[in-house]
Amino acid sequence: MRILVLFNLKAGVSADDYEHWAKTRDMPAVRSLPSIDDFRAYRVTGLLGSETPAPYGYAEVIDVADMDGFFTDIGTPTMQEVSAEFQNWTDAPLFLMTAEVSSA
C-alpha cells in the first residue's frame, strides 16, 4: 500500500523551518516504524508544462508494508506527538490511499 500526502504549509510557516523539522523529526520517526518500507517527502516545484502555480506545495510518499501494523505504529505516544506537530505545520493535508494498477 502506498499513501500519498498532499499539503500546503499554514500561513506564516517558514518553509525552511518546516523542512528542517521534516528532515530531523518526521522522516526519521516514520522511517523507523516496523510497518514502513519507505518514506519520502518532496517540495512541489511546479506543474509540468504550465506556468500555473501548483495547488500543493509538498507531497509525501509513504510505502506501507503492513496496514494493520501501520495503524498500531501510528498509535504510539511518539507518533501521536509527531502527528500533532505535522498538523501544526500543515493546512488540511490530504491522505490518499492507493492501490497499484497492474497489467495482466
PDB file of N, CA and C in Angstrom:
ATOM      1  N   MET A   1       0.855  -1.170   0.000  1.00  0.00           N
ATOM      2  CA  MET A   1       0.000   0.000   0.000  1.00  0.00           C
ATOM      3  C   MET A   1       0.896   1.227   0.000  1.00  0.00           C
ATOM      4  N   ARG A   2       0.520   2.181  -0.795  1.00  0.00           N
ATOM      5  CA  ARG A   2       1.231   3.455  -0.841  1.00  0.00           C
ATOM      6  C   ARG A   2       0.239   4.547  -0.460  1.00  0.00           C
ATOM      7  N   ILE A   3       0.688   5.413   0.442  1.00  0.00           N
ATOM      8  CA  ILE A   3      -0.114   6.571   0.839  1.00  0.00           C
ATOM      9  C   ILE A   3       0.566   7.808   0.280  1.00  0.00           C
ATOM     10  N   LEU A   4      -0.215   8.634  -0.413  1.00  0.00           N
ATOM     11  CA  LEU A   4       0.269   9.914  -0.925  1.00  0.00           C
ATOM     12  C   LEU A   4      -0.335  11.005  -0.050  1.00  0.00           C
ATOM     13  N   VAL A   5       0.496  11.924   0.384  1.00  0.00           N
ATOM     14  CA  VAL A   5       0.030  13.029   1.221  1.00  0.00           C
ATOM     15  C   VAL A   5       0.335  14.327   0.484  1.00  0.00           C
ATOM     16  N   LEU A   6      -0.702  15.110   0.231  1.00  0.00           N
ATOM     17  CA  LEU A   6      -0.562  16.395  -0.455  1.00  0.00           C
ATOM     18  C   LEU A   6      -0.944  17.489   0.523  1.00  0.00           C
ATOM     19  N   PHE A   7      -0.120  18.539   0.599  1.00  0.00           N
ATOM     20  CA  PHE A   7      -0.437  19.586   1.555  1.00  0.00           C
ATOM     21  C   PHE A   7       0.298  20.880   1.246  1.00  0.00           C
ATOM     22  N   ASN A   8      -0.210  21.936   1.857  1.00  0.00           N
ATOM     23  CA  ASN A   8       0.438  23.237   1.890  1.00  0.00           C
ATOM     24  C   ASN A   8       0.785  23.535   3.337  1.00  0.00           C
ATOM     25  N   LEU A   9       1.728  24.422   3.522  1.00  0.00           N
ATOM     26  CA  LEU A   9       2.062  24.875   4.860  1.00  0.00           C
ATOM     27  C   LEU A   9       1.039  25.916   5.308  1.00  0.00           C
ATOM     28  N   LYS A  10       0.828  25.987   6.599  1.00  0.00           N
ATOM     29  CA  LYS A  10      -0.063  27.012   7.142  1.00  0.00           C
ATOM     30  C   LYS A  10       0.529  28.395   6.876  1.00  0.00           C
ATOM     31  N   ALA A  11      -0.337  29.375   6.806  1.00  0.00           N
ATOM     32  CA  ALA A  11       0.100  30.766   6.629  1.00  0.00           C
ATOM     33  C   ALA A  11       1.072  31.130   7.749  1.00  0.00           C
ATOM     34  N   GLY A  12       2.154  31.771   7.364  1.00  0.00           N
ATOM     35  CA  GLY A  12       3.135  32.217   8.332  1.00  0.00           C
ATOM     36  C   GLY A  12       4.195  31.197   8.690  1.00  0.00           C
ATOM     37  N   VAL A  13       4.054  29.971   8.209  1.00  0.00           N
ATOM     38  CA  VAL A  13       5.043  28.927   8.491  1.00  0.00           C
ATOM     39  C   VAL A  13       6.199  29.058   7.506  1.00  0.00           C
ATOM     40  N   SER A  14       7.406  29.059   8.017  1.00  0.00           N
ATOM     41  CA  SER A  14       8.600  29.145   7.181  1.00  0.00           C
ATOM     42  C   SER A  14       8.892  27.790   6.531  1.00  0.00           C
ATOM     43  N   ALA A  15       9.088  27.788   5.211  1.00  0.00           N
ATOM     44  CA  ALA A  15       9.440  26.552   4.505  1.00  0.00           C
ATOM     45  C   ALA A  15      10.745  25.978   5.047  1.00  0.00           C
ATOM     46  N   ASP A  16      11.723  26.827   5.321  1.00  0.00           N
ATOM     47  CA  ASP A  16      12.995  26.345   5.868  1.00  0.00           C
ATOM     48  C   ASP A  16      12.795  25.667   7.220  1.00  0.00           C
ATOM     49  N   ASP A  17      11.984  26.263   8.072  1.00  0.00           N
ATOM     50  CA  ASP A  17      11.727  25.672   9.385  1.00  0.00           C
ATOM     51  C   ASP A  17      10.998  24.339   9.246  1.00  0.00           C
ATOM     52  N   TYR A  18       9.970  24.308   8.381  1.00  0.00           N
ATOM     53  CA  TYR A  18       9.237  23.055   8.170  1.00  0.00           C
ATOM     54  C   TYR A  18      10.173  21.965   7.633  1.00  0.00           C
ATOM     55  N   GLU A  19      10.960  22.289   6.628  1.00  0.00           N
ATOM     56  CA  GLU A  19      11.826  21.284   6.007  1.00  0.00           C
ATOM     57  C   GLU A  19      12.885  20.783   6.985  1.00  0.00           C
ATOM     58  N   HIS A  20      13.371  21.659   7.845  1.00  0.00           N
ATOM     59  CA  HIS A  20      14.307  21.215   8.884  1.00  0.00           C
ATOM     60  C   HIS A  20      13.613  20.210   9.810  1.00  0.00           C
ATOM     61  N   TRP A  21      12.401  20.529  10.249  1.00  0.00           N
ATOM     62  CA  TRP A  21      11.632  19.619  11.094  1.00  0.00           C
ATOM     63  C   TRP A  21      11.381  18.293  10.367  1.00  0.00           C
ATOM     64  N   ALA A  22      10.992  18.367   9.105  1.00  0.00           N
ATOM     65  CA  ALA A  22      10.706  17.145   8.345  1.00  0.00           C
ATOM     66  C   ALA A  22      11.935  16.245   8.271  1.00  0.00           C
ATOM     67  N   LYS A  23      13.106  16.838   8.018  1.00  0.00           N
ATOM     68  CA  LYS A  23      14.341  16.056   7.877  1.00  0.00           C
ATOM     69  C   LYS A  23      14.845  15.493   9.205  1.00  0.00           C
ATOM     70  N   THR A  24      14.639  16.243  10.274  1.00  0.00           N
ATOM     71  CA  THR A  24      15.229  15.836  11.548  1.00  0.00           C
ATOM     72  C   THR A  24      14.258  15.123  12.486  1.00  0.00           C
ATOM     73  N   ARG A  25      12.962  15.264  12.255  1.00  0.00           N
ATOM     74  CA  ARG A  25      11.979  14.681  13.173  1.00  0.00           C
ATOM     75  C   ARG A  25      11.016  13.741  12.463  1.00  0.00           C
ATOM     76  N   ASP A  26      10.330  14.235  11.446  1.00  0.00           N
ATOM     77  CA  ASP A  26       9.272  13.470  10.787  1.00  0.00           C
ATOM     78  C   ASP A  26       9.831  12.264  10.028  1.00  0.00           C
ATOM     79  N   MET A  27      10.751  12.503   9.130  1.00  0.00           N
ATOM     80  CA  MET A  27      11.264  11.393   8.307  1.00  0.00           C
ATOM     81  C   MET A  27      11.945  10.312   9.142  1.00  0.00           C
ATOM     82  N   PRO A  28      12.824  10.659  10.076  1.00  0.00           N
ATOM     83  CA  PRO A  28      13.432   9.591  10.881  1.00  0.00           C
ATOM     84  C   PRO A  28      12.401   8.804  11.697  1.00  0.00           C
ATOM     85  N   ALA A  29      11.402   9.496  12.239  1.00  0.00           N
ATOM     86  CA  ALA A  29      10.388   8.806  13.048  1.00  0.00           C
ATOM     87  C   ALA A  29       9.569   7.846  12.197  1.00  0.00           C
ATOM     88  N   VAL A  30       9.098   8.304  11.047  1.00  0.00           N
ATOM     89  CA  VAL A  30       8.266   7.453  10.198  1.00  0.00           C
ATOM     90  C   VAL A  30       9.090   6.295   9.625  1.00  0.00           C
ATOM     91  N   ARG A  31      10.287   6.577   9.174  1.00  0.00           N
ATOM     92  CA  ARG A  31      11.138   5.518   8.605  1.00  0.00           C
ATOM     93  C   ARG A  31      11.501   4.449   9.628  1.00  0.00           C
ATOM     94  N   SER A  32      11.468   4.785  10.902  1.00  0.00           N
ATOM     95  CA  SER A  32      11.824   3.811  11.939  1.00  0.00           C
ATOM     96  C   SER A  32      10.687   2.841  12.266  1.00  0.00           C
ATOM     97  N   LEU A  33       9.485   3.112  11.764  1.00  0.00           N
ATOM     98  CA  LEU A  33       8.342   2.250  12.078  1.00  0.00           C
ATOM     99  C   LEU A  33       8.489   0.892  11.396  1.00  0.00           C
ATOM    100  N   PRO A  34       8.228  -0.194  12.111  1.00  0.00           N
ATOM    101  CA  PRO A  34       8.349  -1.529  11.520  1.00  0.00           C
ATOM    102  C   PRO A  34       7.436  -1.757  10.304  1.00  0.00           C
ATOM    103  N   SER A  35       6.316  -1.048  10.255  1.00  0.00           N
ATOM    104  CA  SER A  35       5.344  -1.243   9.176  1.00  0.00           C
ATOM    105  C   SER A  35       5.693  -0.492   7.894  1.00  0.00           C
ATOM    106  N   ILE A  36       6.750   0.316   7.906  1.00  0.00           N
ATOM    107  CA  ILE A  36       7.078   1.186   6.773  1.00  0.00           C
ATOM    108  C   ILE A  36       8.236   0.623   5.957  1.00  0.00           C
ATOM    109  N   ASP A  37       8.030   0.553   4.634  1.00  0.00           N
ATOM    110  CA  ASP A  37       9.111   0.171   3.719  1.00  0.00           C
ATOM    111  C   ASP A  37       9.940   1.387   3.319  1.00  0.00           C
ATOM    112  N   ASP A  38       9.265   2.520   3.088  1.00  0.00           N
ATOM    113  CA  ASP A  38       9.978   3.722   2.670  1.00  0.00           C
ATOM    114  C   ASP A  38       9.097   4.939   2.920  1.00  0.00           C
ATOM    115  N   PHE A  39       9.732   6.088   3.072  1.00  0.00           N
ATOM    116  CA  PHE A  39       9.020   7.345   3.271  1.00  0.00           C
ATOM    117  C   PHE A  39       9.871   8.456   2.680  1.00  0.00           C
ATOM    118  N   ARG A  40       9.279   9.224   1.782  1.00  0.00           N
ATOM    119  CA  ARG A  40       9.987  10.324   1.146  1.00  0.00           C
ATOM    120  C   ARG A  40       9.087  11.549   1.122  1.00  0.00           C
ATOM    121  N   ALA A  41       9.704  12.705   1.250  1.00  0.00           N
ATOM    122  CA  ALA A  41       8.984  13.977   1.201  1.00  0.00           C
ATOM    123  C   ALA A  41       9.556  14.816   0.064  1.00  0.00           C
ATOM    124  N   TYR A  42       8.681  15.550  -0.600  1.00  0.00           N
ATOM    125  CA  TYR A  42       9.075  16.341  -1.764  1.00  0.00           C
ATOM    126  C   TYR A  42       8.482  17.735  -1.676  1.00  0.00           C
ATOM    127  N   ARG A  43       9.269  18.725  -2.089  1.00  0.00           N
ATOM    128  CA  ARG A  43       8.762  20.075  -2.302  1.00  0.00           C
ATOM    129  C   ARG A  43       8.268  20.107  -3.744  1.00  0.00           C
ATOM    130  N   VAL A  44       7.048  20.533  -3.962  1.00  0.00           N
ATOM    131  CA  VAL A  44       6.492  20.625  -5.312  1.00  0.00           C
ATOM    132  C   VAL A  44       7.052  21.890  -5.950  1.00  0.00           C
ATOM    133  N   THR A  45       7.622  21.747  -7.145  1.00  0.00           N
ATOM    134  CA  THR A  45       8.268  22.881  -7.804  1.00  0.00           C
ATOM    135  C   THR A  45       7.448  23.466  -8.947  1.00  0.00           C
ATOM    136  N   GLY A  46       6.363  22.825  -9.326  1.00  0.00           N
ATOM    137  CA  GLY A  46       5.524  23.369 -10.391  1.00  0.00           C
ATOM    138  C   GLY A  46       4.681  22.306 -11.043  1.00  0.00           C
ATOM    139  N   LEU A  47       3.887  22.744 -12.010  1.00  0.00           N
ATOM    140  CA  LEU A  47       3.070  21.849 -12.825  1.00  0.00           C
ATOM    141  C   LEU A  47       3.755  21.672 -14.166  1.00  0.00           C
ATOM    142  N   LEU A  48       3.928  20.456 -14.586  1.00  0.00           N
ATOM    143  CA  LEU A  48       4.603  20.153 -15.844  1.00  0.00           C
ATOM    144  C   LEU A  48       3.929  20.869 -17.008  1.00  0.00           C
ATOM    145  N   GLY A  49       4.704  21.641 -17.745  1.00  0.00           N
ATOM    146  CA  GLY A  49       4.217  22.311 -18.939  1.00  0.00           C
ATOM    147  C   GLY A  49       3.287  23.485 -18.676  1.00  0.00           C
ATOM    148  N   SER A  50       3.318  24.026 -17.477  1.00  0.00           N
ATOM    149  CA  SER A  50       2.394  25.103 -17.143  1.00  0.00           C
ATOM    150  C   SER A  50       3.087  26.143 -16.268  1.00  0.00           C
ATOM    151  N   GLU A  51       2.657  27.370 -16.418  1.00  0.00           N
ATOM    152  CA  GLU A  51       3.131  28.441 -15.543  1.00  0.00           C
ATOM    153  C   GLU A  51       2.186  28.630 -14.351  1.00  0.00           C
ATOM    154  N   THR A  52       1.061  27.916 -14.363  1.00  0.00           N
ATOM    155  CA  THR A  52       0.100  27.996 -13.269  1.00  0.00           C
ATOM    156  C   THR A  52       0.717  27.424 -12.002  1.00  0.00           C
ATOM    157  N   PRO A  53       0.573  28.109 -10.884  1.00  0.00           N
ATOM    158  CA  PRO A  53       1.120  27.560  -9.640  1.00  0.00           C
ATOM    159  C   PRO A  53       0.465  26.225  -9.277  1.00  0.00           C
ATOM    160  N   ALA A  54       1.251  25.329  -8.715  1.00  0.00           N
ATOM    161  CA  ALA A  54       0.732  24.026  -8.285  1.00  0.00           C
ATOM    162  C   ALA A  54      -0.232  24.229  -7.112  1.00  0.00           C
ATOM    163  N   PRO A  55      -1.263  23.382  -7.009  1.00  0.00           N
ATOM    164  CA  PRO A  55      -2.224  23.541  -5.917  1.00  0.00           C
ATOM    165  C   PRO A  55      -1.668  23.121  -4.550  1.00  0.00           C
ATOM    166  N   TYR A  56      -0.583  22.365  -4.552  1.00  0.00           N
ATOM    167  CA  TYR A  56       0.035  21.919  -3.298  1.00  0.00           C
ATOM    168  C   TYR A  56       1.523  22.230  -3.319  1.00  0.00           C
ATOM    169  N   GLY A  57       2.054  22.561  -2.166  1.00  0.00           N
ATOM    170  CA  GLY A  57       3.468  22.898  -2.059  1.00  0.00           C
ATOM    171  C   GLY A  57       4.350  21.712  -1.720  1.00  0.00           C
ATOM    172  N   TYR A  58       3.745  20.657  -1.150  1.00  0.00           N
ATOM    173  CA  TYR A  58       4.512  19.492  -0.720  1.00  0.00           C
ATOM    174  C   TYR A  58       3.749  18.212  -1.002  1.00  0.00           C
ATOM    175  N   ALA A  59       4.518  17.137  -1.173  1.00  0.00           N
ATOM    176  CA  ALA A  59       3.953  15.802  -1.345  1.00  0.00           C
ATOM    177  C   ALA A  59       4.826  14.812  -0.582  1.00  0.00           C
ATOM    178  N   GLU A  60       4.187  13.857   0.041  1.00  0.00           N
ATOM    179  CA  GLU A  60       4.894  12.764   0.708  1.00  0.00           C
ATOM    180  C   GLU A  60       4.422  11.453   0.121  1.00  0.00           C
ATOM    181  N   VAL A  61       5.335  10.500   0.077  1.00  0.00           N
ATOM    182  CA  VAL A  61       5.023   9.150  -0.392  1.00  0.00           C
ATOM    183  C   VAL A  61       5.432   8.196   0.733  1.00  0.00           C
ATOM    184  N   ILE A  62       4.442   7.480   1.262  1.00  0.00           N
ATOM    185  CA  ILE A  62       4.680   6.543   2.355  1.00  0.00           C
ATOM    186  C   ILE A  62       4.367   5.141   1.840  1.00  0.00           C
ATOM    187  N   ASP A  63       5.373   4.286   1.796  1.00  0.00           N
ATOM    188  CA  ASP A  63       5.183   2.895   1.384  1.00  0.00           C
ATOM    189  C   ASP A  63       4.980   2.050   2.631  1.00  0.00           C
ATOM    190  N   VAL A  64       3.769   1.520   2.761  1.00  0.00           N
ATOM    191  CA  VAL A  64       3.382   0.762   3.947  1.00  0.00           C
ATOM    192  C   VAL A  64       3.416  -0.727   3.632  1.00  0.00           C
ATOM    193  N   ALA A  65       4.186  -1.472   4.398  1.00  0.00           N
ATOM    194  CA  ALA A  65       4.291  -2.923   4.197  1.00  0.00           C
ATOM    195  C   ALA A  65       3.126  -3.658   4.855  1.00  0.00           C
ATOM    196  N   ASP A  66       2.606  -3.102   5.946  1.00  0.00           N
ATOM    197  CA  ASP A  66       1.579  -3.781   6.743  1.00  0.00           C
ATOM    198  C   ASP A  66       0.624  -2.732   7.311  1.00  0.00           C
ATOM    199  N   MET A  67      -0.580  -2.625   6.739  1.00  0.00           N
ATOM    200  CA  MET A  67      -1.529  -1.590   7.168  1.00  0.00           C
ATOM    201  C   MET A  67      -1.972  -1.785   8.611  1.00  0.00           C
ATOM    202  N   ASP A  68      -2.221  -3.019   9.042  1.00  0.00           N
ATOM    203  CA  ASP A  68      -2.607  -3.236  10.435  1.00  0.00           C
ATOM    204  C   ASP A  68      -1.482  -2.771  11.356  1.00  0.00           C
ATOM    205  N   GLY A  69      -0.258  -3.132  11.011  1.00  0.00           N
ATOM    206  CA  GLY A  69       0.896  -2.700  11.792  1.00  0.00           C
ATOM    207  C   GLY A  69       1.055  -1.190  11.765  1.00  0.00           C
ATOM    208  N   PHE A  70       0.752  -0.580  10.620  1.00  0.00           N
ATOM    209  CA  PHE A  70       0.858   0.871  10.488  1.00  0.00           C
ATOM    210  C   PHE A  70      -0.065   1.574  11.483  1.00  0.00           C
ATOM    211  N   PHE A  71      -1.320   1.093  11.567  1.00  0.00           N
ATOM    212  CA  PHE A  71      -2.255   1.723  12.492  1.00  0.00           C
ATOM    213  C   PHE A  71      -1.811   1.525  13.942  1.00  0.00           C
ATOM    214  N   THR A  72      -1.212   0.398  14.233  1.00  0.00           N
ATOM    215  CA  THR A  72      -0.637   0.190  15.569  1.00  0.00           C
ATOM    216  C   THR A  72       0.526   1.145  15.793  1.00  0.00           C
ATOM    217  N   ASP A  73       1.423   1.235  14.797  1.00  0.00           N
ATOM    218  CA  ASP A  73       2.609   2.088  14.905  1.00  0.00           C
ATOM    219  C   ASP A  73       2.260   3.556  15.113  1.00  0.00           C
ATOM    220  N   ILE A  74       1.282   4.062  14.380  1.00  0.00           N
ATOM    221  CA  ILE A  74       0.963   5.485  14.489  1.00  0.00           C
ATOM    222  C   ILE A  74       0.169   5.809  15.756  1.00  0.00           C
ATOM    223  N   GLY A  75      -0.241   4.777  16.476  1.00  0.00           N
ATOM    224  CA  GLY A  75      -0.941   4.978  17.734  1.00  0.00           C
ATOM    225  C   GLY A  75      -0.023   5.132  18.934  1.00  0.00           C
ATOM    226  N   THR A  76       1.281   4.980  18.722  1.00  0.00           N
ATOM    227  CA  THR A  76       2.226   5.104  19.838  1.00  0.00           C
ATOM    228  C   THR A  76       2.323   6.565  20.280  1.00  0.00           C
ATOM    229  N   PRO A  77       2.700   6.787  21.538  1.00  0.00           N
ATOM    230  CA  PRO A  77       2.837   8.180  22.011  1.00  0.00           C
ATOM    231  C   PRO A  77       3.793   9.017  21.157  1.00  0.00           C
ATOM    232  N   THR A  78       4.909   8.440  20.742  1.00  0.00           N
ATOM    233  CA  THR A  78       5.868   9.196  19.917  1.00  0.00           C
ATOM    234  C   THR A  78       5.237   9.615  18.602  1.00  0.00           C
ATOM    235  N   MET A  79       4.554   8.691  17.935  1.00  0.00           N
ATOM    236  CA  MET A  79       3.967   9.030  16.645  1.00  0.00           C
ATOM    237  C   MET A  79       2.764   9.946  16.793  1.00  0.00           C
ATOM    238  N   GLN A  80       2.053   9.867  17.904  1.00  0.00           N
ATOM    239  CA  GLN A  80       0.967  10.817  18.147  1.00  0.00           C
ATOM    240  C   GLN A  80       1.537  12.229  18.295  1.00  0.00           C
ATOM    241  N   GLU A  81       2.698  12.333  18.925  1.00  0.00           N
ATOM    242  CA  GLU A  81       3.385  13.615  19.075  1.00  0.00           C
ATOM    243  C   GLU A  81       3.823  14.153  17.711  1.00  0.00           C
ATOM    244  N   VAL A  82       4.444  13.297  16.898  1.00  0.00           N
ATOM    245  CA  VAL A  82       4.905  13.698  15.564  1.00  0.00           C
ATOM    246  C   VAL A  82       3.709  14.108  14.707  1.00  0.00           C
ATOM    247  N   SER A  83       2.625  13.356  14.792  1.00  0.00           N
ATOM    248  CA  SER A  83       1.426  13.672  14.020  1.00  0.00           C
ATOM    249  C   SER A  83       0.850  15.035  14.419  1.00  0.00           C
ATOM    250  N   ALA A  84       0.831  15.321  15.709  1.00  0.00           N
ATOM    251  CA  ALA A  84       0.340  16.622  16.177  1.00  0.00           C
ATOM    252  C   ALA A  84       1.239  17.747  15.676  1.00  0.00           C
ATOM    253  N   GLU A  85       2.540  17.516  15.688  1.00  0.00           N
ATOM    254  CA  GLU A  85       3.478  18.517  15.166  1.00  0.00           C
ATOM    255  C   GLU A  85       3.225  18.745  13.675  1.00  0.00           C
ATOM    256  N   PHE A  86       3.018  17.658  12.917  1.00  0.00           N
ATOM    257  CA  PHE A  86       2.735  17.761  11.480  1.00  0.00           C
ATOM    258  C   PHE A  86       1.491  18.627  11.257  1.00  0.00           C
ATOM    259  N   GLN A  87       0.459  18.406  12.042  1.00  0.00           N
ATOM    260  CA  GLN A  87      -0.773  19.183  11.905  1.00  0.00           C
ATOM    261  C   GLN A  87      -0.528  20.669  12.200  1.00  0.00           C
ATOM    262  N   ASN A  88       0.427  20.968  13.078  1.00  0.00           N
ATOM    263  CA  ASN A  88       0.755  22.362  13.375  1.00  0.00           C
ATOM    264  C   ASN A  88       1.431  23.064  12.205  1.00  0.00           C
ATOM    265  N   TRP A  89       2.155  22.314  11.390  1.00  0.00           N
ATOM    266  CA  TRP A  89       2.857  22.884  10.231  1.00  0.00           C
ATOM    267  C   TRP A  89       1.954  23.024   9.005  1.00  0.00           C
ATOM    268  N   THR A  90       1.010  22.097   8.850  1.00  0.00           N
ATOM    269  CA  THR A  90       0.310  21.947   7.570  1.00  0.00           C
ATOM    270  C   THR A  90      -1.139  22.406   7.618  1.00  0.00           C
ATOM    271  N   ASP A  91      -1.649  22.735   6.434  1.00  0.00           N
ATOM    272  CA  ASP A  91      -3.019  23.205   6.279  1.00  0.00           C
ATOM    273  C   ASP A  91      -3.824  22.157   5.512  1.00  0.00           C
ATOM    274  N   ALA A  92      -4.680  21.446   6.213  1.00  0.00           N
ATOM    275  CA  ALA A  92      -5.613  20.475   5.630  1.00  0.00           C
ATOM    276  C   ALA A  92      -4.940  19.468   4.696  1.00  0.00           C
ATOM    277  N   PRO A  93      -4.000  18.663   5.206  1.00  0.00           N
ATOM    278  CA  PRO A  93      -3.355  17.670   4.343  1.00  0.00           C
ATOM    279  C   PRO A  93      -4.349  16.609   3.865  1.00  0.00           C
ATOM    280  N   LEU A  94      -4.131  16.155   2.636  1.00  0.00           N
ATOM    281  CA  LEU A  94      -4.936  15.065   2.066  1.00  0.00           C
ATOM    282  C   LEU A  94      -4.108  13.790   2.116  1.00  0.00           C
ATOM    283  N   PHE A  95      -4.658  12.738   2.701  1.00  0.00           N
ATOM    284  CA  PHE A  95      -4.015  11.430   2.777  1.00  0.00           C
ATOM    285  C   PHE A  95      -4.730  10.514   1.811  1.00  0.00           C
ATOM    286  N   LEU A  96      -4.069  10.189   0.699  1.00  0.00           N
ATOM    287  CA  LEU A  96      -4.667   9.373  -0.360  1.00  0.00           C
ATOM    288  C   LEU A  96      -4.115   7.956  -0.292  1.00  0.00           C
ATOM    289  N   MET A  97      -4.999   6.995  -0.065  1.00  0.00           N
ATOM    290  CA  MET A  97      -4.581   5.593  -0.075  1.00  0.00           C
ATOM    291  C   MET A  97      -4.643   5.103  -1.514  1.00  0.00           C
ATOM    292  N   THR A  98      -3.651   4.340  -1.928  1.00  0.00           N
ATOM    293  CA  THR A  98      -3.596   3.906  -3.316  1.00  0.00           C
ATOM    294  C   THR A  98      -3.441   2.397  -3.425  1.00  0.00           C
ATOM    295  N   ALA A  99      -3.789   1.896  -4.588  1.00  0.00           N
ATOM    296  CA  ALA A  99      -3.537   0.508  -4.957  1.00  0.00           C
ATOM    297  C   ALA A  99      -2.964   0.538  -6.360  1.00  0.00           C
ATOM    298  N   GLU A 100      -1.912  -0.206  -6.577  1.00  0.00           N
ATOM    299  CA  GLU A 100      -1.262  -0.218  -7.881  1.00  0.00           C
ATOM    300  C   GLU A 100      -2.159  -0.842  -8.941  1.00  0.00           C
ATOM    301  N   VAL A 101      -2.174  -0.230 -10.106  1.00  0.00           N
ATOM    302  CA  VAL A 101      -2.890  -0.764 -11.258  1.00  0.00           C
ATOM    303  C   VAL A 101      -1.885  -1.634 -12.004  1.00  0.00           C
ATOM    304  N   SER A 102      -2.158  -2.919 -12.051  1.00  0.00           N
ATOM    305  CA  SER A 102      -1.235  -3.858 -12.689  1.00  0.00           C
ATOM    306  C   SER A 102      -1.804  -4.350 -14.003  1.00  0.00           C
ATOM    307  N   SER A 103      -0.910  -4.614 -14.940  1.00  0.00           N
ATOM    308  CA  SER A 103      -1.363  -5.203 -16.202  1.00  0.00           C
ATOM    309  C   SER A 103      -1.310  -6.718 -16.075  1.00  0.00           C
ATOM    310  N   ALA A 104      -2.202  -7.374 -16.773  1.00  0.00           N
ATOM    311  CA  ALA A 104      -2.266  -8.844 -16.690  1.00  0.00           C
ATOM    312  C   ALA A 104      -1.306  -9.483 -17.654  1.00  0.00           C
TER     313      ALA A 104
END
